[in-house]
Amino acid sequence: MKKLLIALMTTTAAMSLAASAQAADKLKACWVYTGPIGDFGYSYQHDQGRLEVEKALGDKVETAYL
């Protein structure tokens, strides 16, 4: 139990330091589609999700797609 508690505390500390170090950076995300966006299938729905991410996060995120 003591080892688990130490592991959790170490992980929490490491994650909080990493998050604060990157807080000022703009998040970059890229979607890779398997087909054209205009076919109203799998790729279309993923692009709709990408657009919602841009809408929800605004200038905090930069998205791209292939």
Protein backbone atom coordinates (compact mmCIF):
# COMPACT_ATOMS: atom_id res chain seq x y z
CA MET A 1 0.00 0.00 0.00
CA LYS A 2 2.84 2.35 0.86
CA LYS A 3 4.51 1.72 -2.52
CA LEU A 4 1.25 2.44 -4.33
CA LEU A 5 0.80 5.72 -2.46
CA ILE A 6 4.36 6.79 -3.27
CA ALA A 7 3.88 5.86 -6.93
CA LEU A 8 0.64 7.86 -7.13
CA MET A 9 2.21 10.89 -5.46
CA THR A 10 5.22 10.76 -7.79
CA THR A 11 3.02 10.44 -10.86
CA THR A 12 0.79 13.32 -9.75
CA ALA A 13 3.78 15.56 -9.11
CA ALA A 14 5.35 14.73 -12.47
CA MET A 15 2.11 15.36 -14.35
CA SER A 16 1.48 18.69 -12.63
CA LEU A 17 4.99 19.89 -13.48
CA ALA A 18 4.63 18.79 -17.10
CA ALA A 19 1.23 20.45 -17.44
CA SER A 20 2.42 23.77 -16.04
CA ALA A 21 5.50 23.78 -18.26
CA GLN A 22 3.39 23.37 -21.40
CA ALA A 23 0.40 25.52 -20.42
CA ALA A 24 1.54 28.48 -22.52
CA ASP A 25 2.06 26.40 -25.66
CA LYS A 26 -0.62 26.01 -28.31
CA LEU A 27 -1.84 22.43 -28.62
CA LYS A 28 -1.31 20.97 -32.09
CA ALA A 29 -3.40 18.05 -33.31
CA CYS A 30 -3.59 16.34 -36.70
CA TRP A 31 -6.26 14.04 -38.08
CA VAL A 32 -5.40 11.44 -40.73
CA TYR A 33 -8.37 10.51 -42.90
CA THR A 34 -8.65 7.29 -44.88
CA GLY A 35 -10.90 8.79 -47.54
CA PRO A 36 -12.36 12.05 -48.81
CA ILE A 37 -14.18 14.30 -46.34
CA GLY A 38 -17.06 14.88 -48.74
CA ASP A 39 -18.27 11.26 -48.81
CA PHE A 40 -20.36 11.79 -45.63
CA GLY A 41 -18.92 8.67 -44.01
CA TYR A 42 -16.15 7.92 -41.53
CA SER A 43 -13.86 10.74 -42.68
CA TYR A 44 -16.69 13.26 -42.74
CA GLN A 45 -17.65 12.51 -39.14
CA HIS A 46 -14.04 12.77 -38.00
CA ASP A 47 -13.75 16.13 -39.72
CA GLN A 48 -16.89 17.29 -37.93
CA GLY A 49 -15.19 16.31 -34.67
CA ARG A 50 -12.09 18.27 -35.67
CA LEU A 51 -14.20 21.34 -36.36
CA GLU A 52 -15.90 20.99 -32.97
CA VAL A 53 -12.48 20.84 -31.29
CA GLU A 54 -11.53 24.10 -33.02
CA LYS A 55 -14.85 25.64 -31.99
CA ALA A 56 -14.59 24.50 -28.35
CA LEU A 57 -10.93 25.34 -27.77
CA GLY A 58 -10.60 28.37 -30.03
CA ASP A 59 -7.09 29.77 -30.23
CA LYS A 60 -5.74 27.24 -27.71
CA VAL A 61 -5.48 24.58 -30.42
CA GLU A 62 -4.15 24.35 -33.96
CA THR A 63 -5.59 21.53 -36.06
CA ALA A 64 -4.56 20.02 -39.36
CA TYR A 65 -5.63 17.04 -41.45
CA LEU A 66 -4.18 14.79 -44.10
